[in-house]
Amino acid sequence: MSNARDIIIRPIITEKSMQLMDAENKITFEVAKGTNKTAVRQAVEEIFNVKVESVNILNCRPKTKRMG
C-alpha cells in the first residue's frame, strides 16, 4: 500500500467523534486492514499537510449475525 489514499478509507463522522474533534482536537478515520501506526501517520501528514502527534489504532470485530 504505497498510496496514502489507499491507507485512509474515510473519516468517521459520529456524535462522539465530533465531540472529540471540538474538545481534544482528535480526528477519527477508517483505515485499511493490516496498516501500522507509522503508515497511518505518514498518510495523514501527506494528505492533510499537518504534523501528527500520536496515532491510536483500534481493531473492532463486526457484530455476529444470526441465521434462522
PDB file of N, CA and C in Angstrom:
ATOM      1  N   MET A   1       0.836  -1.181   0.000  1.00  0.00           N
ATOM      2  CA  MET A   1       0.000   0.000   0.000  1.00  0.00           C
ATOM      3  C   MET A   1       0.877   1.239   0.000  1.00  0.00           C
ATOM      4  N   SER A   2       1.256   1.663  -1.157  1.00  0.00           N
ATOM      5  CA  SER A   2       2.154   2.798  -1.247  1.00  0.00           C
ATOM      6  C   SER A   2       1.403   4.121  -1.302  1.00  0.00           C
ATOM      7  N   ASN A   3       0.154   4.120  -1.732  1.00  0.00           N
ATOM      8  CA  ASN A   3      -0.602   5.347  -1.877  1.00  0.00           C
ATOM      9  C   ASN A   3      -1.292   5.706  -0.559  1.00  0.00           C
ATOM     10  N   ALA A   4      -1.196   6.977  -0.178  1.00  0.00           N
ATOM     11  CA  ALA A   4      -1.802   7.418   1.078  1.00  0.00           C
ATOM     12  C   ALA A   4      -3.317   7.323   1.022  1.00  0.00           C
ATOM     13  N   ARG A   5      -3.901   7.506  -0.143  1.00  0.00           N
ATOM     14  CA  ARG A   5      -5.359   7.425  -0.285  1.00  0.00           C
ATOM     15  C   ARG A   5      -5.857   5.986  -0.165  1.00  0.00           C
ATOM     16  N   ASP A   6      -4.979   5.004  -0.375  1.00  0.00           N
ATOM     17  CA  ASP A   6      -5.366   3.607  -0.176  1.00  0.00           C
ATOM     18  C   ASP A   6      -5.369   3.238   1.305  1.00  0.00           C
ATOM     19  N   ILE A   7      -4.566   3.914   2.107  1.00  0.00           N
ATOM     20  CA  ILE A   7      -4.471   3.616   3.542  1.00  0.00           C
ATOM     21  C   ILE A   7      -5.666   4.202   4.285  1.00  0.00           C
ATOM     22  N   ILE A   8      -5.969   5.478   4.045  1.00  0.00           N
ATOM     23  CA  ILE A   8      -7.086   6.134   4.726  1.00  0.00           C
ATOM     24  C   ILE A   8      -8.318   5.979   3.861  1.00  0.00           C
ATOM     25  N   ILE A   9      -9.306   5.238   4.364  1.00  0.00           N
ATOM     26  CA  ILE A   9     -10.503   4.937   3.590  1.00  0.00           C
ATOM     27  C   ILE A   9     -11.514   6.078   3.678  1.00  0.00           C
ATOM     28  N   ARG A  10     -11.869   6.471   4.909  1.00  0.00           N
ATOM     29  CA  ARG A  10     -12.856   7.540   5.070  1.00  0.00           C
ATOM     30  C   ARG A  10     -12.798   8.065   6.499  1.00  0.00           C
ATOM     31  N   PRO A  11     -13.259   9.295   6.734  1.00  0.00           N
ATOM     32  CA  PRO A  11     -13.378   9.775   8.111  1.00  0.00           C
ATOM     33  C   PRO A  11     -14.621   9.185   8.761  1.00  0.00           C
ATOM     34  N   ILE A  12     -14.573   9.034  10.067  1.00  0.00           N
ATOM     35  CA  ILE A  12     -15.720   8.533  10.819  1.00  0.00           C
ATOM     36  C   ILE A  12     -16.428   9.735  11.437  1.00  0.00           C
ATOM     37  N   ILE A  13     -17.669   9.959  11.013  1.00  0.00           N
ATOM     38  CA  ILE A  13     -18.440  11.113  11.458  1.00  0.00           C
ATOM     39  C   ILE A  13     -19.566  10.619  12.361  1.00  0.00           C
ATOM     40  N   THR A  14     -19.380  10.743  13.666  1.00  0.00           N
ATOM     41  CA  THR A  14     -20.403  10.404  14.645  1.00  0.00           C
ATOM     42  C   THR A  14     -20.470  11.527  15.675  1.00  0.00           C
ATOM     43  N   GLU A  15     -21.430  11.448  16.556  1.00  0.00           N
ATOM     44  CA  GLU A  15     -21.529  12.458  17.612  1.00  0.00           C
ATOM     45  C   GLU A  15     -20.291  12.435  18.509  1.00  0.00           C
ATOM     46  N   LYS A  16     -19.835  11.245  18.842  1.00  0.00           N
ATOM     47  CA  LYS A  16     -18.668  11.122  19.714  1.00  0.00           C
ATOM     48  C   LYS A  16     -17.418  11.665  19.040  1.00  0.00           C
ATOM     49  N   SER A  17     -17.245  11.375  17.747  1.00  0.00           N
ATOM     50  CA  SER A  17     -16.052  11.876  17.062  1.00  0.00           C
ATOM     51  C   SER A  17     -16.095  13.395  16.903  1.00  0.00           C
ATOM     52  N   MET A  18     -17.286  13.964  16.759  1.00  0.00           N
ATOM     53  CA  MET A  18     -17.406  15.419  16.684  1.00  0.00           C
ATOM     54  C   MET A  18     -17.052  16.064  18.025  1.00  0.00           C
ATOM     55  N   GLN A  19     -17.446  15.427  19.137  1.00  0.00           N
ATOM     56  CA  GLN A  19     -17.082  15.944  20.453  1.00  0.00           C
ATOM     57  C   GLN A  19     -15.575  15.869  20.662  1.00  0.00           C
ATOM     58  N   LEU A  20     -14.951  14.778  20.231  1.00  0.00           N
ATOM     59  CA  LEU A  20     -13.502  14.659  20.342  1.00  0.00           C
ATOM     60  C   LEU A  20     -12.791  15.705  19.485  1.00  0.00           C
ATOM     61  N   MET A  21     -13.356  15.994  18.318  1.00  0.00           N
ATOM     62  CA  MET A  21     -12.752  16.981  17.438  1.00  0.00           C
ATOM     63  C   MET A  21     -12.786  18.369  18.066  1.00  0.00           C
ATOM     64  N   ASP A  22     -13.901  18.704  18.702  1.00  0.00           N
ATOM     65  CA  ASP A  22     -14.037  20.023  19.321  1.00  0.00           C
ATOM     66  C   ASP A  22     -13.214  20.141  20.603  1.00  0.00           C
ATOM     67  N   ALA A  23     -13.310  19.136  21.477  1.00  0.00           N
ATOM     68  CA  ALA A  23     -12.704  19.239  22.803  1.00  0.00           C
ATOM     69  C   ALA A  23     -11.208  18.941  22.792  1.00  0.00           C
ATOM     70  N   GLU A  24     -10.802  17.880  22.114  1.00  0.00           N
ATOM     71  CA  GLU A  24      -9.419  17.418  22.228  1.00  0.00           C
ATOM     72  C   GLU A  24      -8.632  17.482  20.925  1.00  0.00           C
ATOM     73  N   ASN A  25      -9.243  18.028  19.864  1.00  0.00           N
ATOM     74  CA  ASN A  25      -8.581  18.168  18.568  1.00  0.00           C
ATOM     75  C   ASN A  25      -8.125  16.814  18.018  1.00  0.00           C
ATOM     76  N   LYS A  26      -8.989  15.805  18.147  1.00  0.00           N
ATOM     77  CA  LYS A  26      -8.709  14.465  17.626  1.00  0.00           C
ATOM     78  C   LYS A  26      -9.606  14.192  16.434  1.00  0.00           C
ATOM     79  N   ILE A  27      -9.063  13.512  15.435  1.00  0.00           N
ATOM     80  CA  ILE A  27      -9.815  13.179  14.239  1.00  0.00           C
ATOM     81  C   ILE A  27      -9.783  11.670  14.060  1.00  0.00           C
ATOM     82  N   THR A  28     -10.919  11.074  13.688  1.00  0.00           N
ATOM     83  CA  THR A  28     -11.002   9.625  13.545  1.00  0.00           C
ATOM     84  C   THR A  28     -11.153   9.254  12.076  1.00  0.00           C
ATOM     85  N   PHE A  29     -10.467   8.178  11.679  1.00  0.00           N
ATOM     86  CA  PHE A  29     -10.522   7.685  10.312  1.00  0.00           C
ATOM     87  C   PHE A  29     -10.706   6.185  10.313  1.00  0.00           C
ATOM     88  N   GLU A  30     -11.306   5.681   9.256  1.00  0.00           N
ATOM     89  CA  GLU A  30     -11.288   4.247   8.993  1.00  0.00           C
ATOM     90  C   GLU A  30     -10.089   4.003   8.087  1.00  0.00           C
ATOM     91  N   VAL A  31      -9.232   3.072   8.480  1.00  0.00           N
ATOM     92  CA  VAL A  31      -8.028   2.797   7.700  1.00  0.00           C
ATOM     93  C   VAL A  31      -8.061   1.361   7.190  1.00  0.00           C
ATOM     94  N   ALA A  32      -7.204   1.077   6.237  1.00  0.00           N
ATOM     95  CA  ALA A  32      -7.146  -0.251   5.643  1.00  0.00           C
ATOM     96  C   ALA A  32      -6.684  -1.270   6.673  1.00  0.00           C
ATOM     97  N   LYS A  33      -7.193  -2.475   6.561  1.00  0.00           N
ATOM     98  CA  LYS A  33      -6.855  -3.537   7.496  1.00  0.00           C
ATOM     99  C   LYS A  33      -5.378  -3.914   7.358  1.00  0.00           C
ATOM    100  N   GLY A  34      -4.714  -4.119   8.483  1.00  0.00           N
ATOM    101  CA  GLY A  34      -3.313  -4.514   8.473  1.00  0.00           C
ATOM    102  C   GLY A  34      -2.336  -3.357   8.367  1.00  0.00           C
ATOM    103  N   THR A  35      -2.825  -2.126   8.492  1.00  0.00           N
ATOM    104  CA  THR A  35      -1.959  -0.958   8.413  1.00  0.00           C
ATOM    105  C   THR A  35      -1.396  -0.654   9.797  1.00  0.00           C
ATOM    106  N   ASN A  36      -0.101  -0.298   9.850  1.00  0.00           N
ATOM    107  CA  ASN A  36       0.509   0.015  11.139  1.00  0.00           C
ATOM    108  C   ASN A  36       0.459   1.514  11.415  1.00  0.00           C
ATOM    109  N   LYS A  37       0.869   1.906  12.610  1.00  0.00           N
ATOM    110  CA  LYS A  37       0.755   3.292  13.044  1.00  0.00           C
ATOM    111  C   LYS A  37       1.633   4.234  12.224  1.00  0.00           C
ATOM    112  N   THR A  38       2.829   3.799  11.857  1.00  0.00           N
ATOM    113  CA  THR A  38       3.709   4.683  11.100  1.00  0.00           C
ATOM    114  C   THR A  38       3.153   4.965   9.711  1.00  0.00           C
ATOM    115  N   ALA A  39       2.531   3.976   9.086  1.00  0.00           N
ATOM    116  CA  ALA A  39       1.938   4.187   7.765  1.00  0.00           C
ATOM    117  C   ALA A  39       0.748   5.135   7.854  1.00  0.00           C
ATOM    118  N   VAL A  40      -0.051   5.016   8.911  1.00  0.00           N
ATOM    119  CA  VAL A  40      -1.185   5.917   9.101  1.00  0.00           C
ATOM    120  C   VAL A  40      -0.687   7.335   9.333  1.00  0.00           C
ATOM    121  N   ARG A  41       0.342   7.486  10.128  1.00  0.00           N
ATOM    122  CA  ARG A  41       0.918   8.809  10.401  1.00  0.00           C
ATOM    123  C   ARG A  41       1.411   9.463   9.113  1.00  0.00           C
ATOM    124  N   GLN A  42       2.157   8.721   8.307  1.00  0.00           N
ATOM    125  CA  GLN A  42       2.689   9.264   7.058  1.00  0.00           C
ATOM    126  C   GLN A  42       1.568   9.620   6.086  1.00  0.00           C
ATOM    127  N   ALA A  43       0.520   8.799   6.037  1.00  0.00           N
ATOM    128  CA  ALA A  43      -0.591   9.064   5.127  1.00  0.00           C
ATOM    129  C   ALA A  43      -1.344  10.329   5.520  1.00  0.00           C
ATOM    130  N   VAL A  44      -1.624  10.502   6.805  1.00  0.00           N
ATOM    131  CA  VAL A  44      -2.341  11.697   7.266  1.00  0.00           C
ATOM    132  C   VAL A  44      -1.497  12.939   7.034  1.00  0.00           C
ATOM    133  N   GLU A  45      -0.208  12.868   7.325  1.00  0.00           N
ATOM    134  CA  GLU A  45       0.662  14.021   7.102  1.00  0.00           C
ATOM    135  C   GLU A  45       0.756  14.368   5.622  1.00  0.00           C
ATOM    136  N   GLU A  46       0.754  13.363   4.759  1.00  0.00           N
ATOM    137  CA  GLU A  46       0.844  13.613   3.320  1.00  0.00           C
ATOM    138  C   GLU A  46      -0.446  14.213   2.763  1.00  0.00           C
ATOM    139  N   ILE A  47      -1.590  13.691   3.177  1.00  0.00           N
ATOM    140  CA  ILE A  47      -2.867  14.149   2.624  1.00  0.00           C
ATOM    141  C   ILE A  47      -3.248  15.531   3.153  1.00  0.00           C
ATOM    142  N   PHE A  48      -3.134  15.739   4.463  1.00  0.00           N
ATOM    143  CA  PHE A  48      -3.659  16.947   5.081  1.00  0.00           C
ATOM    144  C   PHE A  48      -2.601  17.998   5.408  1.00  0.00           C
ATOM    145  N   ASN A  49      -1.330  17.708   5.164  1.00  0.00           N
ATOM    146  CA  ASN A  49      -0.229  18.652   5.420  1.00  0.00           C
ATOM    147  C   ASN A  49      -0.244  19.167   6.860  1.00  0.00           C
ATOM    148  N   VAL A  50      -0.299  18.238   7.810  1.00  0.00           N
ATOM    149  CA  VAL A  50      -0.295  18.568   9.234  1.00  0.00           C
ATOM    150  C   VAL A  50       0.789  17.748   9.922  1.00  0.00           C
ATOM    151  N   LYS A  51       1.106  18.115  11.161  1.00  0.00           N
ATOM    152  CA  LYS A  51       2.045  17.364  11.986  1.00  0.00           C
ATOM    153  C   LYS A  51       1.230  16.512  12.947  1.00  0.00           C
ATOM    154  N   VAL A  52       1.375  15.195  12.867  1.00  0.00           N
ATOM    155  CA  VAL A  52       0.620  14.268  13.703  1.00  0.00           C
ATOM    156  C   VAL A  52       1.398  14.024  14.991  1.00  0.00           C
ATOM    157  N   GLU A  53       0.736  14.220  16.136  1.00  0.00           N
ATOM    158  CA  GLU A  53       1.381  13.999  17.422  1.00  0.00           C
ATOM    159  C   GLU A  53       1.401  12.523  17.793  1.00  0.00           C
ATOM    160  N   SER A  54       0.247  11.854  17.695  1.00  0.00           N
ATOM    161  CA  SER A  54       0.180  10.442  18.052  1.00  0.00           C
ATOM    162  C   SER A  54      -0.925   9.767  17.258  1.00  0.00           C
ATOM    163  N   VAL A  55      -0.805   8.450  17.150  1.00  0.00           N
ATOM    164  CA  VAL A  55      -1.780   7.648  16.422  1.00  0.00           C
ATOM    165  C   VAL A  55      -2.229   6.512  17.327  1.00  0.00           C
ATOM    166  N   ASN A  56      -3.532   6.327  17.451  1.00  0.00           N
ATOM    167  CA  ASN A  56      -4.112   5.202  18.181  1.00  0.00           C
ATOM    168  C   ASN A  56      -4.912   4.369  17.197  1.00  0.00           C
ATOM    169  N   ILE A  57      -4.709   3.068  17.211  1.00  0.00           N
ATOM    170  CA  ILE A  57      -5.427   2.166  16.324  1.00  0.00           C
ATOM    171  C   ILE A  57      -6.273   1.226  17.163  1.00  0.00           C
ATOM    172  N   LEU A  58      -7.536   1.068  16.762  1.00  0.00           N
ATOM    173  CA  LEU A  58      -8.469   0.194  17.453  1.00  0.00           C
ATOM    174  C   LEU A  58      -9.043  -0.784  16.442  1.00  0.00           C
ATOM    175  N   ASN A  59      -8.877  -2.074  16.692  1.00  0.00           N
ATOM    176  CA  ASN A  59      -9.426  -3.103  15.823  1.00  0.00           C
ATOM    177  C   ASN A  59     -10.756  -3.568  16.395  1.00  0.00           C
ATOM    178  N   CYS A  60     -11.835  -3.359  15.658  1.00  0.00           N
ATOM    179  CA  CYS A  60     -13.173  -3.734  16.100  1.00  0.00           C
ATOM    180  C   CYS A  60     -13.663  -4.914  15.285  1.00  0.00           C
ATOM    181  N   ARG A  61     -14.139  -5.930  15.975  1.00  0.00           N
ATOM    182  CA  ARG A  61     -14.747  -7.058  15.277  1.00  0.00           C
ATOM    183  C   ARG A  61     -16.177  -6.706  14.924  1.00  0.00           C
ATOM    184  N   PRO A  62     -16.649  -7.162  13.782  1.00  0.00           N
ATOM    185  CA  PRO A  62     -18.054  -6.891  13.437  1.00  0.00           C
ATOM    186  C   PRO A  62     -19.001  -7.673  14.326  1.00  0.00           C
ATOM    187  N   LYS A  63     -20.218  -7.209  14.423  1.00  0.00           N
ATOM    188  CA  LYS A  63     -21.223  -7.905  15.198  1.00  0.00           C
ATOM    189  C   LYS A  63     -21.554  -9.241  14.540  1.00  0.00           C
ATOM    190  N   THR A  64     -21.805 -10.239  15.352  1.00  0.00           N
ATOM    191  CA  THR A  64     -22.158 -11.546  14.797  1.00  0.00           C
ATOM    192  C   THR A  64     -23.598 -11.520  14.307  1.00  0.00           C
ATOM    193  N   LYS A  65     -23.831 -12.160  13.191  1.00  0.00           N
ATOM    194  CA  LYS A  65     -25.164 -12.201  12.605  1.00  0.00           C
ATOM    195  C   LYS A  65     -25.748 -13.592  12.804  1.00  0.00           C
ATOM    196  N   ARG A  66     -27.022 -13.638  13.162  1.00  0.00           N
ATOM    197  CA  ARG A  66     -27.681 -14.921  13.375  1.00  0.00           C
ATOM    198  C   ARG A  66     -28.509 -15.277  12.135  1.00  0.00           C
ATOM    199  N   MET A  67     -28.548 -16.540  11.853  1.00  0.00           N
ATOM    200  CA  MET A  67     -29.341 -17.034  10.728  1.00  0.00           C
ATOM    201  C   MET A  67     -30.405 -18.005  11.263  1.00  0.00           C
ATOM    202  N   GLY A  68     -31.621 -17.852  10.778  1.00  0.00           N
ATOM    203  CA  GLY A  68     -32.656 -18.824  11.069  1.00  0.00           C
ATOM    204  C   GLY A  68     -33.347 -18.756  12.349  1.00  0.00           C
TER     205      GLY A  68
END
